[in-house]
């Protein structure tokens, strides 16, 4: 039973629609697929319907954007199987609204340098719950200014010190964890190797604030995976895994099923769901 527990669709910042993602999950031989769009569960119901059609069990989830107040670093929190997803709605909407405002300002900033229009970018963000930099870059590719999303133009506009970048002030991880608890979801820290949050993971694990760690991920190297597995064993956490699929809206894309969760991870998540209820 193969499970990819981290995936994004057009509902957030992925390049593929939900129907196609679930279809290709089946083609890739996946038994389980978690849809974990950024700060929204708007696609989960549709994914579940399509999953039944193709024989893929879709696990409801969401990836919540947070920060570590001690370091200011970005931290992503995966919430799986929330029993009360309505408890998440207001919190997630505020995140989406912040990102959309920042995204619209970035479009306006880019329009000072390129003959771009909001309507053109809207072709790509209209199916999303917010506005992402990849949507802006897709429109610039249409206009011939680059041939890849995360190329030279992206770095100049949105990279470190980029001329058009607008930051978003995300909530502290403690607030994210509180909301996940209220929703009776399973809290897992996403890709700690990417965000440099291993020390935070250890602290939250020791405090009993999280229930899992995403061990198997493209941005966790072998050393990081080893350290995360040690934490999972030490604090009885679920080691999860996933490709973090975004289609081609990714600097280094990987196909669905490239990174999988351990064989018993799904059953452990459901056991925790029952315990949280």
C-alpha atoms as a PDB file:
ATOM      1  CA  UNK A   1       0.000   0.000   0.000  1.00  0.00           C
ATOM      2  CA  UNK A   2       1.796   3.124  -1.236  1.00  0.00           C
ATOM      3  CA  UNK A   3       1.035   6.602   0.132  1.00  0.00           C
ATOM      4  CA  UNK A   4       2.147  10.061  -0.997  1.00  0.00           C
ATOM      5  CA  UNK A   5       1.053  12.389   1.791  1.00  0.00           C
ATOM      6  CA  UNK A   6       1.995  15.799   0.381  1.00  0.00           C
ATOM      7  CA  UNK A   7       0.483  17.218  -2.806  1.00  0.00           C
ATOM      8  CA  UNK A   8      -0.692  20.585  -4.160  1.00  0.00           C
ATOM      9  CA  UNK A   9      -3.249  21.338  -6.864  1.00  0.00           C
ATOM     10  CA  UNK A  10      -4.444  24.411  -8.765  1.00  0.00           C
ATOM     11  CA  UNK A  11      -6.586  25.171  -5.737  1.00  0.00           C
ATOM     12  CA  UNK A  12      -3.393  26.637  -4.266  1.00  0.00           C
ATOM     13  CA  UNK A  13      -0.049  26.839  -6.075  1.00  0.00           C
ATOM     14  CA  UNK A  14       0.075  23.654  -8.133  1.00  0.00           C
ATOM     15  CA  UNK A  15      -0.055  23.572 -11.921  1.00  0.00           C
ATOM     16  CA  UNK A  16      -2.471  20.617 -12.252  1.00  0.00           C
ATOM     17  CA  UNK A  17      -6.172  20.252 -11.569  1.00  0.00           C
ATOM     18  CA  UNK A  18      -7.500  17.851  -8.967  1.00  0.00           C
ATOM     19  CA  UNK A  19      -9.042  15.387 -11.428  1.00  0.00           C
ATOM     20  CA  UNK A  20      -5.742  14.984 -13.281  1.00  0.00           C
ATOM     21  CA  UNK A  21      -3.728  14.657 -10.080  1.00  0.00           C
ATOM     22  CA  UNK A  22      -5.880  11.825  -8.753  1.00  0.00           C
ATOM     23  CA  UNK A  23      -5.858  10.112 -12.157  1.00  0.00           C
ATOM     24  CA  UNK A  24      -2.062  10.211 -12.288  1.00  0.00           C
ATOM     25  CA  UNK A  25      -1.845   9.079  -8.679  1.00  0.00           C
ATOM     26  CA  UNK A  26      -3.655   5.939  -9.794  1.00  0.00           C
ATOM     27  CA  UNK A  27      -1.341   5.590 -12.805  1.00  0.00           C
ATOM     28  CA  UNK A  28       1.641   5.959 -10.475  1.00  0.00           C
ATOM     29  CA  UNK A  29       0.382   3.047  -8.391  1.00  0.00           C
ATOM     30  CA  UNK A  30      -0.571   5.028  -5.301  1.00  0.00           C
ATOM     31  CA  UNK A  31      -3.116   3.584  -2.887  1.00  0.00           C
ATOM     32  CA  UNK A  32      -3.344   6.751  -0.773  1.00  0.00           C
ATOM     33  CA  UNK A  33      -2.930  10.411  -1.670  1.00  0.00           C
ATOM     34  CA  UNK A  34      -3.151  13.337   0.746  1.00  0.00           C
ATOM     35  CA  UNK A  35      -4.278  16.601  -0.823  1.00  0.00           C
ATOM     36  CA  UNK A  36      -2.512  19.280   1.231  1.00  0.00           C
ATOM     37  CA  UNK A  37      -3.052  22.570  -0.562  1.00  0.00           C
ATOM     38  CA  UNK A  38      -1.680  25.702   1.072  1.00  0.00           C
ATOM     39  CA  UNK A  39      -4.068  27.187   3.634  1.00  0.00           C
ATOM     40  CA  UNK A  40      -7.216  25.727   2.078  1.00  0.00           C
ATOM     41  CA  UNK A  41      -9.232  22.519   2.036  1.00  0.00           C
ATOM     42  CA  UNK A  42     -11.431  23.712  -0.833  1.00  0.00           C
ATOM     43  CA  UNK A  43     -10.359  20.838  -3.091  1.00  0.00           C
ATOM     44  CA  UNK A  44     -10.660  17.973  -0.636  1.00  0.00           C
ATOM     45  CA  UNK A  45     -14.277  17.000  -1.343  1.00  0.00           C
ATOM     46  CA  UNK A  46     -13.717  16.925  -5.112  1.00  0.00           C
ATOM     47  CA  UNK A  47     -10.533  14.911  -4.665  1.00  0.00           C
ATOM     48  CA  UNK A  48     -12.391  12.366  -2.547  1.00  0.00           C
ATOM     49  CA  UNK A  49     -15.075  11.925  -5.214  1.00  0.00           C
ATOM     50  CA  UNK A  50     -12.490  11.431  -7.970  1.00  0.00           C
ATOM     51  CA  UNK A  51     -10.488   9.147  -5.704  1.00  0.00           C
ATOM     52  CA  UNK A  52     -13.450   6.792  -5.352  1.00  0.00           C
ATOM     53  CA  UNK A  53     -13.772   6.719  -9.141  1.00  0.00           C
ATOM     54  CA  UNK A  54     -10.161   5.612  -9.593  1.00  0.00           C
ATOM     55  CA  UNK A  55      -9.675   3.540  -6.462  1.00  0.00           C
ATOM     56  CA  UNK A  56      -7.328   5.975  -4.721  1.00  0.00           C
ATOM     57  CA  UNK A  57      -8.114   6.802  -1.097  1.00  0.00           C
ATOM     58  CA  UNK A  58      -7.759  10.559  -0.644  1.00  0.00           C
ATOM     59  CA  UNK A  59      -6.695  11.699   2.816  1.00  0.00           C
ATOM     60  CA  UNK A  60      -8.013  15.171   3.702  1.00  0.00           C
ATOM     61  CA  UNK A  61      -5.297  17.614   4.646  1.00  0.00           C
ATOM     62  CA  UNK A  62      -3.987  21.160   4.479  1.00  0.00           C
ATOM     63  CA  UNK A  63      -0.543  22.757   4.705  1.00  0.00           C
ATOM     64  CA  UNK A  64      -0.733  25.763   7.020  1.00  0.00           C
ATOM     65  CA  UNK A  65       1.730  28.630   6.611  1.00  0.00           C
ATOM     66  CA  UNK A  66       3.296  29.702   9.914  1.00  0.00           C
ATOM     67  CA  UNK A  67       6.524  31.106  11.311  1.00  0.00           C
ATOM     68  CA  UNK A  68       8.800  30.323  14.237  1.00  0.00           C
ATOM     69  CA  UNK A  69       8.651  33.456  16.423  1.00  0.00           C
ATOM     70  CA  UNK A  70      12.067  32.680  17.909  1.00  0.00           C
ATOM     71  CA  UNK A  71      13.860  32.776  14.550  1.00  0.00           C
ATOM     72  CA  UNK A  72      11.402  34.421  12.173  1.00  0.00           C
ATOM     73  CA  UNK A  73      11.816  31.432   9.848  1.00  0.00           C
ATOM     74  CA  UNK A  74       8.944  30.033   7.823  1.00  0.00           C
ATOM     75  CA  UNK A  75       7.406  26.824   9.201  1.00  0.00           C
ATOM     76  CA  UNK A  76       4.786  24.735   7.422  1.00  0.00           C
ATOM     77  CA  UNK A  77       2.322  22.696   9.439  1.00  0.00           C
ATOM     78  CA  UNK A  78       0.499  19.764   7.870  1.00  0.00           C
ATOM     79  CA  UNK A  79      -2.927  19.059   9.325  1.00  0.00           C
ATOM     80  CA  UNK A  80      -4.340  15.647   8.410  1.00  0.00           C
ATOM     81  CA  UNK A  81      -7.826  14.224   8.907  1.00  0.00           C
ATOM     82  CA  UNK A  82      -9.424  17.087  10.879  1.00  0.00           C
ATOM     83  CA  UNK A  83     -12.690  15.933  12.461  1.00  0.00           C
ATOM     84  CA  UNK A  84     -13.924  19.529  12.678  1.00  0.00           C
ATOM     85  CA  UNK A  85     -12.560  21.253   9.564  1.00  0.00           C
ATOM     86  CA  UNK A  86     -14.970  24.149  10.056  1.00  0.00           C
ATOM     87  CA  UNK A  87     -12.771  25.253  12.981  1.00  0.00           C
ATOM     88  CA  UNK A  88     -10.020  25.947  10.447  1.00  0.00           C
ATOM     89  CA  UNK A  89     -12.059  28.066   8.045  1.00  0.00           C
ATOM     90  CA  UNK A  90     -11.757  31.551   9.527  1.00  0.00           C
ATOM     91  CA  UNK A  91      -8.073  31.128  10.305  1.00  0.00           C
ATOM     92  CA  UNK A  92      -7.272  29.834   6.828  1.00  0.00           C
ATOM     93  CA  UNK A  93      -9.316  32.554   5.128  1.00  0.00           C
ATOM     94  CA  UNK A  94      -7.287  35.232   6.890  1.00  0.00           C
ATOM     95  CA  UNK A  95      -4.094  33.630   5.548  1.00  0.00           C
ATOM     96  CA  UNK A  96      -5.480  33.429   2.019  1.00  0.00           C
ATOM     97  CA  UNK A  97      -6.600  37.056   2.153  1.00  0.00           C
ATOM     98  CA  UNK A  98      -3.138  38.191   3.287  1.00  0.00           C
ATOM     99  CA  UNK A  99      -1.475  36.240   0.500  1.00  0.00           C
ATOM    100  CA  UNK A 100      -3.947  37.506  -2.109  1.00  0.00           C
ATOM    101  CA  UNK A 101      -3.292  41.115  -1.085  1.00  0.00           C
ATOM    102  CA  UNK A 102       0.457  40.547  -1.313  1.00  0.00           C
ATOM    103  CA  UNK A 103       0.019  38.768  -4.646  1.00  0.00           C
ATOM    104  CA  UNK A 104      -2.022  41.606  -6.135  1.00  0.00           C
ATOM    105  CA  UNK A 105       0.586  44.120  -5.013  1.00  0.00           C
ATOM    106  CA  UNK A 106       3.314  42.002  -6.618  1.00  0.00           C
ATOM    107  CA  UNK A 107       1.364  41.998  -9.892  1.00  0.00           C
ATOM    108  CA  UNK A 108       1.178  45.791  -9.744  1.00  0.00           C
ATOM    109  CA  UNK A 109       4.893  45.971  -8.979  1.00  0.00           C
ATOM    110  CA  UNK A 110       5.733  43.755 -11.959  1.00  0.00           C
ATOM    111  CA  UNK A 111       3.510  45.890 -14.200  1.00  0.00           C
ATOM    112  CA  UNK A 112       5.975  48.737 -13.661  1.00  0.00           C
ATOM    113  CA  UNK A 113       8.621  46.708 -15.530  1.00  0.00           C
ATOM    114  CA  UNK A 114       6.649  44.484 -17.923  1.00  0.00           C
ATOM    115  CA  UNK A 115       3.528  44.953 -20.109  1.00  0.00           C
ATOM    116  CA  UNK A 116       1.567  42.594 -17.870  1.00  0.00           C
ATOM    117  CA  UNK A 117      -2.108  42.906 -16.951  1.00  0.00           C
ATOM    118  CA  UNK A 118      -4.037  41.649 -13.946  1.00  0.00           C
ATOM    119  CA  UNK A 119      -6.440  39.905 -16.335  1.00  0.00           C
ATOM    120  CA  UNK A 120      -3.601  37.904 -17.855  1.00  0.00           C
ATOM    121  CA  UNK A 121      -2.370  36.673 -14.470  1.00  0.00           C
ATOM    122  CA  UNK A 122      -5.979  35.925 -13.501  1.00  0.00           C
ATOM    123  CA  UNK A 123      -6.023  33.206 -16.172  1.00  0.00           C
ATOM    124  CA  UNK A 124      -3.791  31.250 -13.805  1.00  0.00           C
ATOM    125  CA  UNK A 125      -4.988  32.283 -10.356  1.00  0.00           C
ATOM    126  CA  UNK A 126      -8.733  32.168 -11.076  1.00  0.00           C
ATOM    127  CA  UNK A 127      -8.931  28.492 -10.076  1.00  0.00           C
ATOM    128  CA  UNK A 128      -6.793  29.074  -6.971  1.00  0.00           C
ATOM    129  CA  UNK A 129      -7.917  30.292  -3.578  1.00  0.00           C
ATOM    130  CA  UNK A 130      -5.174  32.942  -3.633  1.00  0.00           C
ATOM    131  CA  UNK A 131      -2.483  34.566  -5.813  1.00  0.00           C
ATOM    132  CA  UNK A 132       0.997  33.045  -6.018  1.00  0.00           C
ATOM    133  CA  UNK A 133       4.243  34.128  -7.624  1.00  0.00           C
ATOM    134  CA  UNK A 134       4.072  31.131  -9.963  1.00  0.00           C
ATOM    135  CA  UNK A 135       0.868  32.556 -11.462  1.00  0.00           C
ATOM    136  CA  UNK A 136       2.637  35.819 -12.267  1.00  0.00           C
ATOM    137  CA  UNK A 137       5.599  33.993 -13.757  1.00  0.00           C
ATOM    138  CA  UNK A 138       3.342  31.806 -15.905  1.00  0.00           C
ATOM    139  CA  UNK A 139       1.904  34.964 -17.479  1.00  0.00           C
ATOM    140  CA  UNK A 140       5.411  36.360 -18.058  1.00  0.00           C
ATOM    141  CA  UNK A 141       6.368  33.099 -19.782  1.00  0.00           C
ATOM    142  CA  UNK A 142       3.357  33.546 -22.064  1.00  0.00           C
ATOM    143  CA  UNK A 143       4.769  36.954 -22.979  1.00  0.00           C
ATOM    144  CA  UNK A 144       8.163  35.503 -23.824  1.00  0.00           C
ATOM    145  CA  UNK A 145      10.215  36.933 -20.964  1.00  0.00           C
ATOM    146  CA  UNK A 146      11.433  33.552 -19.713  1.00  0.00           C
ATOM    147  CA  UNK A 147      10.939  29.874 -20.428  1.00  0.00           C
ATOM    148  CA  UNK A 148      10.712  28.591 -16.860  1.00  0.00           C
ATOM    149  CA  UNK A 149       8.861  29.535 -13.693  1.00  0.00           C
ATOM    150  CA  UNK A 150      11.882  29.683 -11.386  1.00  0.00           C
ATOM    151  CA  UNK A 151      14.484  31.121 -13.736  1.00  0.00           C
ATOM    152  CA  UNK A 152      16.425  34.358 -14.013  1.00  0.00           C
ATOM    153  CA  UNK A 153      13.342  36.599 -14.160  1.00  0.00           C
ATOM    154  CA  UNK A 154      11.850  34.997 -11.040  1.00  0.00           C
ATOM    155  CA  UNK A 155      15.073  35.493  -9.110  1.00  0.00           C
ATOM    156  CA  UNK A 156      15.267  39.154 -10.134  1.00  0.00           C
ATOM    157  CA  UNK A 157      11.647  39.875  -9.245  1.00  0.00           C
ATOM    158  CA  UNK A 158      10.867  37.588  -6.317  1.00  0.00           C
ATOM    159  CA  UNK A 159      14.123  36.080  -5.056  1.00  0.00           C
ATOM    160  CA  UNK A 160      16.141  37.364  -2.111  1.00  0.00           C
ATOM    161  CA  UNK A 161      16.119  41.145  -2.436  1.00  0.00           C
ATOM    162  CA  UNK A 162      13.819  40.886  -5.469  1.00  0.00           C
ATOM    163  CA  UNK A 163      12.494  44.170  -6.824  1.00  0.00           C
ATOM    164  CA  UNK A 164       8.813  43.153  -6.749  1.00  0.00           C
ATOM    165  CA  UNK A 165       8.549  40.814  -3.778  1.00  0.00           C
ATOM    166  CA  UNK A 166       5.960  41.555  -1.075  1.00  0.00           C
ATOM    167  CA  UNK A 167       6.265  39.514   2.148  1.00  0.00           C
ATOM    168  CA  UNK A 168       3.340  38.018   4.048  1.00  0.00           C
ATOM    169  CA  UNK A 169       3.217  38.115   7.845  1.00  0.00           C
ATOM    170  CA  UNK A 170       2.284  34.569   8.815  1.00  0.00           C
ATOM    171  CA  UNK A 171       0.985  33.539  12.255  1.00  0.00           C
ATOM    172  CA  UNK A 172       3.211  31.957  14.872  1.00  0.00           C
ATOM    173  CA  UNK A 173       3.422  28.168  14.842  1.00  0.00           C
ATOM    174  CA  UNK A 174       1.765  28.083  18.287  1.00  0.00           C
ATOM    175  CA  UNK A 175      -1.380  29.627  16.803  1.00  0.00           C
ATOM    176  CA  UNK A 176      -1.347  27.115  13.962  1.00  0.00           C
ATOM    177  CA  UNK A 177      -1.024  24.219  16.390  1.00  0.00           C
ATOM    178  CA  UNK A 178      -3.872  25.591  18.504  1.00  0.00           C
ATOM    179  CA  UNK A 179      -6.167  25.730  15.472  1.00  0.00           C
ATOM    180  CA  UNK A 180      -5.239  22.180  14.429  1.00  0.00           C
ATOM    181  CA  UNK A 181      -6.030  20.977  17.951  1.00  0.00           C
ATOM    182  CA  UNK A 182      -9.414  22.708  17.860  1.00  0.00           C
ATOM    183  CA  UNK A 183     -10.125  21.056  14.505  1.00  0.00           C
ATOM    184  CA  UNK A 184      -9.090  17.690  15.989  1.00  0.00           C
ATOM    185  CA  UNK A 185      -6.549  17.141  13.236  1.00  0.00           C
ATOM    186  CA  UNK A 186      -3.206  15.351  13.277  1.00  0.00           C
ATOM    187  CA  UNK A 187      -0.342  17.887  13.442  1.00  0.00           C
ATOM    188  CA  UNK A 188       2.812  17.126  11.424  1.00  0.00           C
ATOM    189  CA  UNK A 189       5.711  19.524  10.753  1.00  0.00           C
ATOM    190  CA  UNK A 190       6.396  19.637   7.002  1.00  0.00           C
ATOM    191  CA  UNK A 191       9.870  19.367   5.416  1.00  0.00           C
ATOM    192  CA  UNK A 192      11.985  20.489   8.402  1.00  0.00           C
ATOM    193  CA  UNK A 193      15.103  20.243   6.243  1.00  0.00           C
ATOM    194  CA  UNK A 194      13.786  22.905   3.873  1.00  0.00           C
ATOM    195  CA  UNK A 195      12.846  25.373   6.600  1.00  0.00           C
ATOM    196  CA  UNK A 196      15.742  24.654   8.979  1.00  0.00           C
ATOM    197  CA  UNK A 197      13.357  23.841  11.813  1.00  0.00           C
ATOM    198  CA  UNK A 198      14.920  20.755  13.412  1.00  0.00           C
ATOM    199  CA  UNK A 199      15.425  22.456  16.780  1.00  0.00           C
ATOM    200  CA  UNK A 200      11.820  23.638  16.730  1.00  0.00           C
ATOM    201  CA  UNK A 201      10.691  20.089  15.915  1.00  0.00           C
ATOM    202  CA  UNK A 202      12.568  18.722  18.912  1.00  0.00           C
ATOM    203  CA  UNK A 203      11.076  21.325  21.241  1.00  0.00           C
ATOM    204  CA  UNK A 204       7.516  20.797  20.003  1.00  0.00           C
ATOM    205  CA  UNK A 205       7.934  17.025  20.174  1.00  0.00           C
ATOM    206  CA  UNK A 206       9.241  17.209  23.743  1.00  0.00           C
ATOM    207  CA  UNK A 207       6.252  19.373  24.682  1.00  0.00           C
ATOM    208  CA  UNK A 208       3.815  16.904  23.093  1.00  0.00           C
ATOM    209  CA  UNK A 209       2.569  19.567  20.667  1.00  0.00           C
ATOM    210  CA  UNK A 210       2.986  17.593  17.427  1.00  0.00           C
ATOM    211  CA  UNK A 211       2.124  14.059  16.389  1.00  0.00           C
ATOM    212  CA  UNK A 212       4.377  13.517  13.385  1.00  0.00           C
ATOM    213  CA  UNK A 213       7.299  14.720  11.284  1.00  0.00           C
ATOM    214  CA  UNK A 214       7.618  14.683   7.510  1.00  0.00           C
ATOM    215  CA  UNK A 215      10.756  12.572   7.162  1.00  0.00           C
ATOM    216  CA  UNK A 216      10.707  11.587   3.486  1.00  0.00           C
ATOM    217  CA  UNK A 217      10.699  14.723   1.333  1.00  0.00           C
ATOM    218  CA  UNK A 218      12.809  16.050  -1.562  1.00  0.00           C
ATOM    219  CA  UNK A 219      14.419  18.696   0.659  1.00  0.00           C
ATOM    220  CA  UNK A 220      15.357  16.418   3.553  1.00  0.00           C
ATOM    221  CA  UNK A 221      18.842  15.025   2.927  1.00  0.00           C
ATOM    222  CA  UNK A 222      20.032  11.717   4.390  1.00  0.00           C
ATOM    223  CA  UNK A 223      21.419  13.301   7.546  1.00  0.00           C
ATOM    224  CA  UNK A 224      18.193  15.227   8.154  1.00  0.00           C
ATOM    225  CA  UNK A 225      16.093  12.109   7.603  1.00  0.00           C
ATOM    226  CA  UNK A 226      18.202  10.268  10.157  1.00  0.00           C
ATOM    227  CA  UNK A 227      17.787  12.999  12.743  1.00  0.00           C
ATOM    228  CA  UNK A 228      14.040  13.166  12.131  1.00  0.00           C
ATOM    229  CA  UNK A 229      13.647   9.406  12.449  1.00  0.00           C
ATOM    230  CA  UNK A 230      15.522   9.554  15.745  1.00  0.00           C
ATOM    231  CA  UNK A 231      13.088  12.208  16.987  1.00  0.00           C
ATOM    232  CA  UNK A 232      10.127  10.102  15.845  1.00  0.00           C
ATOM    233  CA  UNK A 233      11.427   7.087  17.745  1.00  0.00           C
ATOM    234  CA  UNK A 234      12.308   9.113  20.833  1.00  0.00           C
ATOM    235  CA  UNK A 235       8.951  10.889  21.098  1.00  0.00           C
ATOM    236  CA  UNK A 236       6.647   8.266  19.501  1.00  0.00           C
ATOM    237  CA  UNK A 237       5.823  10.421  16.481  1.00  0.00           C
ATOM    238  CA  UNK A 238       4.536   9.244  13.100  1.00  0.00           C
ATOM    239  CA  UNK A 239       7.189   9.518  10.355  1.00  0.00           C
ATOM    240  CA  UNK A 240       5.391  10.650   7.199  1.00  0.00           C
ATOM    241  CA  UNK A 241       6.517  11.344   3.664  1.00  0.00           C
ATOM    242  CA  UNK A 242       5.440  12.906   0.408  1.00  0.00           C
ATOM    243  CA  UNK A 243       6.631  14.376  -2.855  1.00  0.00           C
ATOM    244  CA  UNK A 244       5.301  17.896  -2.210  1.00  0.00           C
ATOM    245  CA  UNK A 245       4.004  17.702  -5.762  1.00  0.00           C
ATOM    246  CA  UNK A 246       3.291  21.014  -7.537  1.00  0.00           C
ATOM    247  CA  UNK A 247       3.420  19.888 -11.174  1.00  0.00           C
ATOM    248  CA  UNK A 248       5.839  22.196 -12.997  1.00  0.00           C
ATOM    249  CA  UNK A 249       5.281  25.033 -10.485  1.00  0.00           C
ATOM    250  CA  UNK A 250       8.392  23.897  -8.663  1.00  0.00           C
ATOM    251  CA  UNK A 251      12.123  24.765  -9.036  1.00  0.00           C
ATOM    252  CA  UNK A 252      13.018  21.058  -9.168  1.00  0.00           C
ATOM    253  CA  UNK A 253       9.826  19.122  -9.923  1.00  0.00           C
ATOM    254  CA  UNK A 254       9.305  15.491  -8.977  1.00  0.00           C
ATOM    255  CA  UNK A 255       6.541  13.190 -10.255  1.00  0.00           C
ATOM    256  CA  UNK A 256       3.811  12.003  -7.909  1.00  0.00           C
ATOM    257  CA  UNK A 257       4.980   9.062  -5.834  1.00  0.00           C
ATOM    258  CA  UNK A 258       8.662  10.018  -5.901  1.00  0.00           C
ATOM    259  CA  UNK A 259       8.698  10.248  -2.093  1.00  0.00           C
ATOM    260  CA  UNK A 260       6.461   7.957  -0.066  1.00  0.00           C
ATOM    261  CA  UNK A 261       5.394   7.569   3.529  1.00  0.00           C
ATOM    262  CA  UNK A 262       6.397   4.402   5.432  1.00  0.00           C
ATOM    263  CA  UNK A 263       3.943   1.505   4.942  1.00  0.00           C
ATOM    264  CA  UNK A 264       2.222   1.905   8.327  1.00  0.00           C
ATOM    265  CA  UNK A 265       2.059   5.728   8.350  1.00  0.00           C
ATOM    266  CA  UNK A 266      -1.527   5.935   7.087  1.00  0.00           C
ATOM    267  CA  UNK A 267      -2.866   3.516   9.697  1.00  0.00           C
ATOM    268  CA  UNK A 268      -0.985   5.467  12.379  1.00  0.00           C
ATOM    269  CA  UNK A 269      -2.573   8.716  11.205  1.00  0.00           C
ATOM    270  CA  UNK A 270      -6.042   7.177  11.430  1.00  0.00           C
ATOM    271  CA  UNK A 271      -5.278   5.848  14.916  1.00  0.00           C
ATOM    272  CA  UNK A 272      -4.283   9.355  15.981  1.00  0.00           C
ATOM    273  CA  UNK A 273      -7.436  10.755  14.374  1.00  0.00           C
ATOM    274  CA  UNK A 274      -9.529   8.419  16.537  1.00  0.00           C
ATOM    275  CA  UNK A 275      -7.514   9.404  19.600  1.00  0.00           C
ATOM    276  CA  UNK A 276      -8.003  13.127  18.886  1.00  0.00           C
ATOM    277  CA  UNK A 277     -11.778  12.844  18.490  1.00  0.00           C
END
